[in-house]
N, C-alpha and C. Protein backbone atom coordinates (compact mmCIF):
# COMPACT_ATOMS: atom_id res chain seq x y z
N MET A 1 -22.49 -41.51 -40.03
CA MET A 1 -22.78 -40.72 -41.19
C MET A 1 -21.70 -39.67 -41.44
N ALA A 2 -21.22 -39.03 -40.38
CA ALA A 2 -20.18 -38.02 -40.53
C ALA A 2 -18.90 -38.63 -41.08
N PHE A 3 -18.61 -39.87 -40.68
CA PHE A 3 -17.42 -40.54 -41.17
C PHE A 3 -17.49 -40.72 -42.69
N GLU A 4 -18.66 -41.11 -43.19
CA GLU A 4 -18.83 -41.29 -44.63
C GLU A 4 -18.65 -39.97 -45.37
N VAL A 5 -19.14 -38.90 -44.82
CA VAL A 5 -18.99 -37.59 -45.45
C VAL A 5 -17.52 -37.20 -45.51
N ASN A 6 -16.80 -37.40 -44.40
CA ASN A 6 -15.37 -37.09 -44.39
C ASN A 6 -14.62 -37.93 -45.40
N LEU A 7 -14.95 -39.21 -45.48
CA LEU A 7 -14.31 -40.08 -46.44
C LEU A 7 -14.58 -39.58 -47.85
N THR A 8 -15.81 -39.22 -48.11
CA THR A 8 -16.16 -38.69 -49.43
C THR A 8 -15.42 -37.39 -49.70
N GLU A 9 -15.35 -36.50 -48.72
CA GLU A 9 -14.62 -35.25 -48.88
C GLU A 9 -13.14 -35.51 -49.14
N ASN A 10 -12.55 -36.45 -48.40
CA ASN A 10 -11.14 -36.78 -48.60
C ASN A 10 -10.91 -37.34 -50.00
N ASN A 11 -11.81 -38.21 -50.45
CA ASN A 11 -11.70 -38.75 -51.81
C ASN A 11 -11.81 -37.64 -52.84
N TYR A 12 -12.71 -36.70 -52.57
CA TYR A 12 -12.89 -35.58 -53.48
C TYR A 12 -11.60 -34.77 -53.58
N PHE A 13 -10.99 -34.46 -52.44
CA PHE A 13 -9.77 -33.67 -52.45
C PHE A 13 -8.61 -34.45 -53.06
N CYS A 14 -8.51 -35.74 -52.79
CA CYS A 14 -7.45 -36.57 -53.39
C CYS A 14 -7.62 -36.63 -54.90
N THR A 15 -8.85 -36.80 -55.35
CA THR A 15 -9.12 -36.86 -56.78
C THR A 15 -8.77 -35.54 -57.44
N ASN A 16 -9.15 -34.44 -56.84
CA ASN A 16 -8.82 -33.13 -57.40
C ASN A 16 -7.32 -32.88 -57.40
N ALA A 17 -6.62 -33.30 -56.35
CA ALA A 17 -5.16 -33.14 -56.30
C ALA A 17 -4.50 -33.95 -57.41
N LYS A 18 -4.98 -35.16 -57.63
CA LYS A 18 -4.43 -35.99 -58.71
C LYS A 18 -4.68 -35.35 -60.06
N LYS A 19 -5.88 -34.80 -60.24
CA LYS A 19 -6.19 -34.13 -61.51
C LYS A 19 -5.29 -32.93 -61.72
N MET A 20 -5.04 -32.17 -60.65
CA MET A 20 -4.18 -31.00 -60.77
C MET A 20 -2.76 -31.41 -61.13
N ILE A 21 -2.27 -32.50 -60.53
CA ILE A 21 -0.93 -32.99 -60.85
C ILE A 21 -0.87 -33.46 -62.30
N MET A 22 -1.88 -34.21 -62.73
CA MET A 22 -1.93 -34.68 -64.11
C MET A 22 -2.03 -33.52 -65.08
N ASN A 23 -2.82 -32.51 -64.75
CA ASN A 23 -2.94 -31.35 -65.61
C ASN A 23 -1.61 -30.62 -65.72
N LYS A 24 -0.87 -30.52 -64.62
CA LYS A 24 0.43 -29.86 -64.64
C LYS A 24 1.42 -30.66 -65.49
N LYS A 25 1.40 -31.98 -65.38
CA LYS A 25 2.28 -32.82 -66.19
C LYS A 25 1.95 -32.67 -67.68
N LEU A 26 0.67 -32.65 -67.99
CA LEU A 26 0.25 -32.47 -69.38
C LEU A 26 0.65 -31.09 -69.88
N GLN A 27 0.47 -30.09 -69.05
CA GLN A 27 0.86 -28.72 -69.42
C GLN A 27 2.36 -28.65 -69.68
N ASN A 28 3.17 -29.30 -68.85
CA ASN A 28 4.62 -29.30 -69.05
C ASN A 28 4.99 -29.98 -70.36
N ARG A 29 4.32 -31.09 -70.66
CA ARG A 29 4.60 -31.82 -71.90
C ARG A 29 4.26 -30.96 -73.11
N ILE A 30 3.11 -30.31 -73.08
CA ILE A 30 2.70 -29.47 -74.20
C ILE A 30 3.63 -28.29 -74.37
N THR A 31 4.01 -27.66 -73.26
CA THR A 31 4.94 -26.53 -73.32
C THR A 31 6.27 -26.96 -73.93
N TYR A 32 6.78 -28.11 -73.52
CA TYR A 32 8.03 -28.62 -74.07
C TYR A 32 7.90 -28.86 -75.57
N MET A 33 6.80 -29.44 -75.98
CA MET A 33 6.61 -29.72 -77.41
C MET A 33 6.55 -28.42 -78.21
N ILE A 34 5.93 -27.41 -77.66
CA ILE A 34 5.87 -26.11 -78.34
C ILE A 34 7.26 -25.51 -78.47
N TYR A 35 8.06 -25.59 -77.40
CA TYR A 35 9.45 -25.11 -77.48
C TYR A 35 10.22 -25.83 -78.57
N CYS A 36 10.05 -27.14 -78.66
CA CYS A 36 10.75 -27.93 -79.67
C CYS A 36 10.31 -27.55 -81.09
N ILE A 37 9.01 -27.39 -81.28
CA ILE A 37 8.50 -26.99 -82.59
C ILE A 37 9.07 -25.64 -82.99
N ASN A 38 9.08 -24.69 -82.06
CA ASN A 38 9.60 -23.36 -82.37
C ASN A 38 11.11 -23.38 -82.63
N ALA A 39 11.85 -24.18 -81.89
CA ALA A 39 13.30 -24.30 -82.11
C ALA A 39 13.56 -24.94 -83.47
N PHE A 40 12.77 -25.95 -83.82
CA PHE A 40 12.88 -26.59 -85.13
C PHE A 40 12.59 -25.57 -86.23
N ALA A 41 11.54 -24.80 -86.05
CA ALA A 41 11.17 -23.77 -87.02
C ALA A 41 12.29 -22.76 -87.20
N GLU A 42 12.89 -22.35 -86.11
CA GLU A 42 13.97 -21.37 -86.18
C GLU A 42 15.18 -21.94 -86.92
N ARG A 43 15.54 -23.17 -86.62
CA ARG A 43 16.72 -23.77 -87.27
C ARG A 43 16.54 -23.86 -88.78
N TYR A 44 15.33 -24.22 -89.21
CA TYR A 44 15.10 -24.45 -90.63
C TYR A 44 14.37 -23.30 -91.32
N HIS A 45 14.33 -22.16 -90.67
CA HIS A 45 13.75 -20.94 -91.24
C HIS A 45 12.31 -21.16 -91.72
N LEU A 46 11.52 -21.78 -90.85
CA LEU A 46 10.11 -22.01 -91.10
C LEU A 46 9.29 -21.21 -90.10
N ASN A 47 8.03 -20.98 -90.40
CA ASN A 47 7.18 -20.44 -89.35
C ASN A 47 6.68 -21.62 -88.52
N SER A 48 6.08 -21.35 -87.39
CA SER A 48 5.70 -22.43 -86.48
C SER A 48 4.64 -23.35 -87.09
N LYS A 49 3.75 -22.81 -87.90
CA LYS A 49 2.73 -23.63 -88.54
C LYS A 49 3.37 -24.61 -89.53
N GLN A 50 4.34 -24.14 -90.30
CA GLN A 50 5.04 -25.00 -91.25
C GLN A 50 5.83 -26.08 -90.51
N ALA A 51 6.50 -25.69 -89.43
CA ALA A 51 7.28 -26.64 -88.65
C ALA A 51 6.38 -27.72 -88.07
N PHE A 52 5.24 -27.32 -87.51
CA PHE A 52 4.31 -28.29 -86.95
C PHE A 52 3.83 -29.25 -88.03
N ALA A 53 3.45 -28.73 -89.18
CA ALA A 53 2.95 -29.58 -90.27
C ALA A 53 4.01 -30.59 -90.70
N TYR A 54 5.25 -30.13 -90.83
CA TYR A 54 6.35 -31.01 -91.23
C TYR A 54 6.58 -32.08 -90.16
N LEU A 55 6.69 -31.65 -88.92
CA LEU A 55 6.94 -32.60 -87.82
C LEU A 55 5.79 -33.58 -87.67
N ASN A 56 4.59 -33.13 -87.86
CA ASN A 56 3.44 -34.02 -87.77
C ASN A 56 3.45 -35.03 -88.92
N ARG A 57 3.73 -34.57 -90.12
CA ARG A 57 3.73 -35.44 -91.30
C ARG A 57 4.80 -36.52 -91.22
N PHE A 58 5.97 -36.16 -90.71
CA PHE A 58 7.10 -37.09 -90.70
C PHE A 58 7.39 -37.67 -89.32
N LYS A 59 6.36 -37.72 -88.49
CA LYS A 59 6.35 -38.44 -87.20
C LYS A 59 7.19 -37.80 -86.09
N GLY A 60 7.58 -36.56 -86.23
CA GLY A 60 8.34 -35.88 -85.18
C GLY A 60 7.50 -35.57 -83.96
N ILE A 61 6.25 -35.19 -84.16
CA ILE A 61 5.36 -34.90 -83.04
C ILE A 61 5.09 -36.17 -82.24
N ALA A 62 4.84 -37.26 -82.94
CA ALA A 62 4.61 -38.54 -82.26
C ALA A 62 5.86 -38.95 -81.47
N PHE A 63 7.03 -38.72 -82.05
CA PHE A 63 8.29 -39.03 -81.36
C PHE A 63 8.41 -38.21 -80.07
N LEU A 64 8.14 -36.92 -80.15
CA LEU A 64 8.23 -36.08 -78.96
C LEU A 64 7.27 -36.55 -77.87
N ASP A 65 6.09 -36.94 -78.27
CA ASP A 65 5.10 -37.41 -77.30
C ASP A 65 5.52 -38.74 -76.69
N GLU A 66 5.94 -39.68 -77.52
CA GLU A 66 6.31 -41.00 -77.04
C GLU A 66 7.59 -40.99 -76.20
N CYS A 67 8.52 -40.13 -76.55
CA CYS A 67 9.84 -40.12 -75.90
C CYS A 67 10.04 -38.92 -74.99
N TYR A 68 8.95 -38.31 -74.56
CA TYR A 68 9.03 -37.09 -73.74
C TYR A 68 9.91 -37.28 -72.51
N GLU A 69 9.73 -38.38 -71.80
CA GLU A 69 10.46 -38.59 -70.54
C GLU A 69 11.97 -38.50 -70.73
N ALA A 70 12.47 -39.01 -71.83
CA ALA A 70 13.91 -38.95 -72.10
C ALA A 70 14.29 -37.62 -72.77
N GLU A 71 13.52 -37.23 -73.76
CA GLU A 71 13.88 -36.05 -74.55
C GLU A 71 13.89 -34.75 -73.76
N HIS A 72 12.96 -34.59 -72.83
CA HIS A 72 12.89 -33.31 -72.14
C HIS A 72 14.07 -33.10 -71.19
N GLN A 73 14.86 -34.14 -70.99
CA GLN A 73 16.05 -34.00 -70.15
C GLN A 73 17.28 -33.59 -70.96
N LEU A 74 17.14 -33.58 -72.27
CA LEU A 74 18.22 -33.17 -73.15
C LEU A 74 18.11 -31.68 -73.47
N SER A 75 19.14 -31.15 -74.08
CA SER A 75 19.07 -29.76 -74.50
C SER A 75 18.09 -29.62 -75.66
N LEU A 76 17.62 -28.41 -75.87
CA LEU A 76 16.72 -28.14 -76.98
C LEU A 76 17.41 -28.42 -78.31
N ASN A 77 18.70 -28.12 -78.39
CA ASN A 77 19.48 -28.39 -79.58
C ASN A 77 19.51 -29.89 -79.87
N ASP A 78 19.71 -30.70 -78.84
CA ASP A 78 19.70 -32.16 -79.01
C ASP A 78 18.33 -32.65 -79.47
N ALA A 79 17.29 -32.06 -78.91
CA ALA A 79 15.93 -32.45 -79.30
C ALA A 79 15.68 -32.15 -80.77
N VAL A 80 16.12 -30.99 -81.23
CA VAL A 80 15.95 -30.62 -82.65
C VAL A 80 16.77 -31.57 -83.53
N ASN A 81 17.97 -31.91 -83.09
CA ASN A 81 18.77 -32.89 -83.84
C ASN A 81 18.04 -34.22 -83.94
N ASP A 82 17.48 -34.68 -82.84
CA ASP A 82 16.73 -35.94 -82.83
C ASP A 82 15.51 -35.86 -83.74
N LEU A 83 14.80 -34.74 -83.70
CA LEU A 83 13.64 -34.56 -84.58
C LEU A 83 14.05 -34.61 -86.05
N THR A 84 15.17 -34.02 -86.36
CA THR A 84 15.68 -34.03 -87.73
C THR A 84 15.93 -35.45 -88.20
N VAL A 85 16.57 -36.26 -87.35
CA VAL A 85 16.87 -37.65 -87.69
C VAL A 85 15.59 -38.46 -87.86
N ILE A 86 14.66 -38.31 -86.91
CA ILE A 86 13.41 -39.06 -86.97
C ILE A 86 12.64 -38.71 -88.24
N CYS A 87 12.53 -37.43 -88.54
CA CYS A 87 11.79 -37.01 -89.72
C CYS A 87 12.47 -37.50 -91.00
N LYS A 88 13.78 -37.44 -91.02
CA LYS A 88 14.54 -37.93 -92.19
C LYS A 88 14.26 -39.42 -92.41
N ARG A 89 14.24 -40.20 -91.34
CA ARG A 89 13.95 -41.65 -91.42
C ARG A 89 12.54 -41.93 -91.92
N ASN A 90 11.66 -40.96 -91.74
CA ASN A 90 10.27 -41.12 -92.15
C ASN A 90 9.93 -40.37 -93.43
N GLY A 91 10.96 -40.02 -94.19
CA GLY A 91 10.74 -39.42 -95.51
C GLY A 91 10.92 -37.92 -95.59
N GLY A 92 11.25 -37.27 -94.50
CA GLY A 92 11.46 -35.82 -94.51
C GLY A 92 12.74 -35.45 -95.26
N GLY A 93 12.77 -34.24 -95.78
CA GLY A 93 13.90 -33.82 -96.59
C GLY A 93 14.82 -32.81 -95.95
N LEU A 94 14.49 -32.32 -94.76
CA LEU A 94 15.33 -31.32 -94.11
C LEU A 94 16.52 -32.00 -93.43
N GLU A 95 17.67 -31.39 -93.57
CA GLU A 95 18.89 -31.92 -92.92
C GLU A 95 19.62 -30.82 -92.20
C-alpha cells in the first residue's frame, strides 16, 4: 500500500512539474508577443490596442503564435519587419 501512495505522490509531483514548465513556456510566449505588439505600435505610432487590432486582423498575431520558435530567436526589429510583411500580404496597409 505504501508503494502505491509513493507512486501516486511521484506522479502528482511529476504532473505538477510538467504543468509548471508548460506554464512558464506559455508565459514566455505571451511575454514575447506583447513585446512584439508594443514594438510594432511604437514603429507605426499606434497605441498598443490599435497595434493588436491591426495585427490580429491581418494575421500577424497568428504568425507570431505559429512561428514563435523561430521568431523569438530573432531581434525585435526583425520580428516587426516580419510582422509588417505578413500583414501586408494579408491586406494590411502599413509599410
